[in-house]
Amino acid sequence: MSIKETEALVIKSHNLSEADRIVVFFTREHGVVRGVAKGAKRLHSRFGSTLEPFSTVNLTYFQKEDRELVSIQNVELTRSRFDVASDPAFLETYSYIADLLTAFALPHDADEKLYRMISACLSAEVHGEELDVVRLYFELWLLRLSGLLPNWTCCENCERELDIRRNAYLMTSFHLRCEQCRQRHTFAEVSPNELRLYQDIQRLAPAALIESAKDKLHAVKSISGVTRRLIAQALGREVATGSALR
């Protein structure tokens, strides 16, 4: 048995018994960790409010080599998000993000870039339709880090760099073609606004992207439609978004 200490995000939890809970963490150093918090449901539990979803904590746990579930020993709250987590739109959006995270991330497999990315998403101050921007940011970066994101900077056929002042054409492969290489039957047109947004997502942090995308909300919805189809294809199933949950 080994003891581990790490910074972590509380992703979600569910009941295990009358007094205990299973908690899912995404840790900086060990990836997704699922553990048992004994006595967490008791009135005077030593865990208190540290296991609320989307909180940042310092986590200490024991792990046996032959056990998937670890034993949670101590959880120290470093940043709570109680205020925003009580908002239904925020809760639904980040529950969707949590579902995608646990579907794509391997248990006990560290991914520093993914950890920093979801931390940045959780730290961004968002309101109303800005949640759609953060959701798209997470979808696109999750696909990129998983090696599943199509290259929308050049034409699939001639490989020339796409002119972001002109429409591109989405193929059933989810790659793009230029005006000269487009086929008679294309999946959809991709506008200059959408091409610029695609590039912005990969160079800006969530907070800066929210500001940049204020006049591109239609483009946000269009690209998110593509990323959701890519995610469903990768998982072999649909994942309900915040709006679908509502």
Protein backbone atom coordinates (compact mmCIF):
# COMPACT_ATOMS: atom_id res chain seq x y z
CA MET A 1 0.00 0.00 0.00
CA SER A 2 1.34 3.46 -0.91
CA ILE A 3 0.24 6.90 0.20
CA LYS A 4 -0.05 9.67 -2.39
CA GLU A 5 -0.59 13.41 -2.09
CA THR A 6 -1.63 15.60 -5.01
CA GLU A 7 -3.62 18.62 -6.10
CA ALA A 8 -6.99 17.56 -7.50
CA LEU A 9 -10.34 18.69 -8.85
CA VAL A 10 -13.46 17.08 -7.41
CA ILE A 11 -15.40 15.84 -10.45
CA LYS A 12 -18.42 14.03 -9.03
CA SER A 13 -19.54 11.61 -6.32
CA HIS A 14 -22.26 9.09 -5.56
CA ASN A 15 -23.48 7.07 -2.60
CA LEU A 16 -21.77 3.79 -1.72
CA SER A 17 -23.52 2.87 1.52
CA GLU A 18 -25.46 4.46 4.33
CA ALA A 19 -22.41 6.47 5.44
CA ASP A 20 -19.84 6.33 2.63
CA ARG A 21 -19.42 7.93 -0.79
CA ILE A 22 -17.41 7.18 -3.91
CA VAL A 23 -15.71 10.34 -5.15
CA VAL A 24 -14.12 10.88 -8.57
CA PHE A 25 -11.13 13.24 -8.66
CA PHE A 26 -9.03 14.47 -11.56
CA THR A 27 -5.57 14.83 -10.09
CA ARG A 28 -2.61 16.79 -11.38
CA GLU A 29 -0.11 13.95 -10.92
CA HIS A 30 -2.17 10.76 -11.28
CA GLY A 31 -5.06 11.49 -13.65
CA VAL A 32 -8.56 10.22 -12.81
CA VAL A 33 -8.74 8.68 -9.33
CA ARG A 34 -11.84 7.05 -7.84
CA GLY A 35 -11.89 6.60 -4.10
CA VAL A 36 -14.00 5.75 -1.07
CA ALA A 37 -14.64 8.54 1.45
CA LYS A 38 -15.65 6.63 4.55
CA GLY A 39 -18.21 8.40 6.74
CA ALA A 40 -18.61 11.24 4.22
CA LYS A 41 -22.41 11.18 4.59
CA ARG A 42 -22.39 11.49 8.36
CA LEU A 43 -23.52 14.78 9.87
CA HIS A 44 -20.16 15.54 11.47
CA SER A 45 -17.97 14.02 8.75
CA ARG A 46 -14.29 14.97 8.79
CA PHE A 47 -14.62 15.76 5.07
CA GLY A 48 -17.17 18.51 5.67
CA SER A 49 -17.86 20.40 2.43
CA THR A 50 -14.54 19.54 0.76
CA LEU A 51 -16.12 17.00 -1.62
CA GLU A 52 -18.42 19.43 -3.43
CA PRO A 53 -18.13 19.12 -7.22
CA PHE A 54 -15.67 21.38 -9.07
CA SER A 55 -13.73 22.30 -5.91
CA THR A 56 -9.92 22.36 -6.00
CA VAL A 57 -8.38 20.37 -3.15
CA ASN A 58 -5.20 18.85 -1.80
CA LEU A 59 -5.90 15.12 -1.77
CA THR A 60 -4.21 12.40 0.28
CA TYR A 61 -5.08 8.75 -0.38
CA PHE A 62 -3.88 5.17 0.04
CA GLN A 63 -3.72 2.88 -2.97
CA LYS A 64 -3.33 -0.89 -3.15
CA GLU A 65 -1.95 -2.29 -6.39
CA ASP A 66 -4.83 -4.75 -6.86
CA ARG A 67 -7.62 -2.26 -6.09
CA GLU A 68 -9.16 0.26 -8.49
CA LEU A 69 -10.81 2.24 -5.68
CA VAL A 70 -8.39 4.09 -3.43
CA SER A 71 -8.94 4.94 0.24
CA ILE A 72 -9.34 8.70 0.72
CA GLN A 73 -7.51 9.78 3.86
CA ASN A 74 -7.65 13.56 3.80
CA VAL A 75 -9.08 16.32 1.61
CA GLU A 76 -8.05 19.95 2.16
CA LEU A 77 -10.11 22.56 0.33
CA THR A 78 -8.02 25.18 -1.49
CA ARG A 79 -10.67 26.71 -3.75
CA SER A 80 -14.44 26.26 -3.62
CA ARG A 81 -16.89 27.02 -6.40
CA PHE A 82 -20.02 26.79 -4.29
CA ASP A 83 -21.33 30.14 -5.54
CA VAL A 84 -21.35 29.30 -9.25
CA ALA A 85 -22.08 25.57 -8.79
CA SER A 86 -25.51 26.50 -7.43
CA ASP A 87 -26.42 28.02 -10.82
CA PRO A 88 -28.30 25.42 -12.93
CA ALA A 89 -26.71 26.48 -16.25
CA PHE A 90 -23.20 26.31 -14.78
CA LEU A 91 -23.92 22.97 -13.11
CA GLU A 92 -25.24 21.43 -16.31
CA THR A 93 -22.38 22.69 -18.46
CA TYR A 94 -19.65 21.52 -16.09
CA SER A 95 -21.41 18.21 -15.44
CA TYR A 96 -21.18 17.69 -19.21
CA ILE A 97 -17.47 18.59 -19.09
CA ALA A 98 -17.00 16.14 -16.20
CA ASP A 99 -18.70 13.35 -18.17
CA LEU A 100 -16.41 13.96 -21.15
CA LEU A 101 -13.35 14.08 -18.92
CA THR A 102 -14.06 10.73 -17.27
CA ALA A 103 -14.94 9.19 -20.65
CA PHE A 104 -11.67 10.22 -22.33
CA ALA A 105 -9.11 10.27 -19.49
CA LEU A 106 -7.51 6.98 -18.45
CA PRO A 107 -7.54 6.07 -14.72
CA HIS A 108 -4.27 6.85 -12.89
CA ASP A 109 -2.73 8.29 -16.07
CA ALA A 110 -1.31 11.79 -15.51
CA ASP A 111 -2.05 14.46 -18.12
CA GLU A 112 -0.70 17.85 -17.06
CA LYS A 113 -2.03 19.67 -20.14
CA LEU A 114 -5.54 18.32 -19.64
CA TYR A 115 -5.44 19.20 -15.94
CA ARG A 116 -4.38 22.79 -16.68
CA MET A 117 -7.00 23.08 -19.40
CA ILE A 118 -9.95 22.04 -17.23
CA SER A 119 -8.62 24.20 -14.36
CA ALA A 120 -8.61 27.20 -16.70
CA CYS A 121 -12.18 26.42 -17.78
CA LEU A 122 -13.37 26.22 -14.18
CA SER A 123 -11.59 29.46 -13.26
CA ALA A 124 -13.12 31.54 -16.06
CA GLU A 125 -15.90 33.92 -15.00
CA VAL A 126 -18.84 33.12 -17.27
CA HIS A 127 -22.44 34.24 -17.65
CA GLY A 128 -25.27 33.12 -19.89
CA GLU A 129 -24.20 32.22 -23.44
CA GLU A 130 -20.54 32.51 -22.44
CA LEU A 131 -20.92 29.00 -21.04
CA ASP A 132 -21.26 27.80 -24.65
CA VAL A 133 -17.83 29.30 -25.39
CA VAL A 134 -16.20 27.47 -22.46
CA ARG A 135 -17.91 24.23 -23.43
CA LEU A 136 -16.62 24.51 -27.01
CA TYR A 137 -13.14 25.37 -25.73
CA PHE A 138 -13.12 22.16 -23.68
CA GLU A 139 -14.55 20.02 -26.50
CA LEU A 140 -12.01 21.22 -29.05
CA TRP A 141 -9.00 20.95 -26.75
CA LEU A 142 -10.09 17.51 -25.53
CA LEU A 143 -10.19 16.33 -29.15
CA ARG A 144 -6.82 17.96 -29.86
CA LEU A 145 -5.10 16.38 -26.85
CA SER A 146 -6.63 13.02 -27.80
CA GLY A 147 -5.29 13.30 -31.36
CA LEU A 148 -8.80 13.40 -32.84
CA LEU A 149 -9.04 17.03 -33.96
CA PRO A 150 -9.06 17.57 -37.76
CA ASN A 151 -6.64 20.13 -39.15
CA TRP A 152 -8.74 23.10 -40.27
CA THR A 153 -5.81 25.25 -41.36
CA CYS A 154 -5.28 23.66 -44.78
CA CYS A 155 -7.27 22.00 -47.55
CA GLU A 156 -7.64 18.24 -47.20
CA ASN A 157 -7.11 17.75 -50.95
CA CYS A 158 -4.50 20.24 -52.23
CA GLU A 159 -2.95 20.84 -48.76
CA ARG A 160 -2.72 24.59 -49.37
CA GLU A 161 -3.35 26.89 -46.40
CA LEU A 162 -7.00 27.95 -46.22
CA ASP A 163 -7.84 31.61 -46.78
CA ILE A 164 -9.76 32.60 -43.62
CA ARG A 165 -11.42 35.44 -45.56
CA ARG A 166 -13.38 32.88 -47.60
CA ASN A 167 -15.74 30.00 -46.87
CA ALA A 168 -14.31 26.51 -46.55
CA TYR A 169 -16.28 23.32 -47.12
CA LEU A 170 -16.73 20.57 -44.54
CA MET A 171 -16.52 17.02 -45.82
CA THR A 172 -18.05 13.91 -44.23
CA SER A 173 -14.54 13.12 -42.95
CA PHE A 174 -14.79 16.37 -40.90
CA HIS A 175 -11.81 17.80 -42.81
CA LEU A 176 -12.07 20.97 -44.90
CA ARG A 177 -11.62 21.72 -48.58
CA CYS A 178 -11.06 25.01 -50.33
CA GLU A 179 -13.25 26.52 -53.04
CA GLN A 180 -11.19 24.97 -55.84
CA CYS A 181 -11.23 21.46 -54.35
CA ARG A 182 -14.78 21.35 -53.03
CA GLN A 183 -16.97 18.50 -54.22
CA ARG A 184 -20.53 18.75 -55.38
CA HIS A 185 -21.82 17.25 -52.14
CA THR A 186 -20.36 18.78 -48.99
CA PHE A 187 -21.45 18.43 -45.39
CA ALA A 188 -21.62 22.17 -44.67
CA GLU A 189 -19.97 25.51 -45.32
CA VAL A 190 -17.55 26.84 -42.72
CA SER A 191 -17.54 30.64 -42.61
CA PRO A 192 -14.55 32.97 -42.07
CA ASN A 193 -15.88 33.71 -38.56
CA GLU A 194 -15.83 30.00 -37.76
CA LEU A 195 -12.31 29.55 -39.13
CA ARG A 196 -11.06 32.49 -37.03
CA LEU A 197 -12.77 31.10 -33.93
CA TYR A 198 -11.17 27.69 -34.52
CA GLN A 199 -7.76 29.39 -34.52
CA ASP A 200 -8.57 31.60 -31.51
CA ILE A 201 -9.54 28.61 -29.36
CA GLN A 202 -6.08 27.11 -29.84
CA ARG A 203 -4.14 30.27 -28.97
CA LEU A 204 -6.25 31.98 -26.27
CA ALA A 205 -7.04 31.10 -22.67
CA PRO A 206 -10.77 30.69 -21.84
CA ALA A 207 -11.11 34.17 -20.30
CA ALA A 208 -9.59 35.86 -23.38
CA LEU A 209 -11.60 33.64 -25.72
CA ILE A 210 -14.87 34.68 -24.05
CA GLU A 211 -14.06 38.31 -24.83
CA SER A 212 -12.96 37.52 -28.39
CA ALA A 213 -16.05 35.39 -29.15
CA LYS A 214 -18.69 37.94 -28.11
CA ASP A 215 -19.51 38.65 -31.76
CA LYS A 216 -19.09 35.02 -32.86
CA LEU A 217 -21.78 33.21 -30.85
CA HIS A 218 -23.36 31.77 -34.00
CA ALA A 219 -19.93 30.41 -34.96
CA VAL A 220 -19.60 28.91 -31.46
CA LYS A 221 -22.79 26.90 -31.92
CA SER A 222 -21.80 25.80 -35.44
CA ILE A 223 -18.36 24.50 -34.48
CA SER A 224 -19.71 22.88 -31.32
CA GLY A 225 -22.10 20.93 -33.53
CA VAL A 226 -19.07 19.47 -35.31
CA THR A 227 -17.06 18.77 -32.14
CA ARG A 228 -20.03 16.98 -30.55
CA ARG A 229 -20.33 14.72 -33.60
CA LEU A 230 -16.61 13.95 -33.41
CA ILE A 231 -16.93 13.15 -29.70
CA ALA A 232 -19.94 10.90 -30.29
CA GLN A 233 -18.01 9.11 -33.04
CA ALA A 234 -15.01 8.57 -30.74
CA LEU A 235 -17.13 7.29 -27.82
CA GLY A 236 -19.68 5.37 -29.88
CA ARG A 237 -22.48 7.20 -28.07
CA GLU A 238 -24.01 10.64 -27.59
CA VAL A 239 -23.17 12.73 -24.52
CA ALA A 240 -25.95 15.05 -23.39
CA THR A 241 -24.96 18.72 -23.38
CA GLY A 242 -26.15 21.27 -20.82
CA SER A 243 -29.00 22.44 -23.06
CA ALA A 244 -30.10 18.86 -23.67
CA LEU A 245 -30.14 18.20 -19.93
CA ARG A 246 -32.35 21.23 -19.38
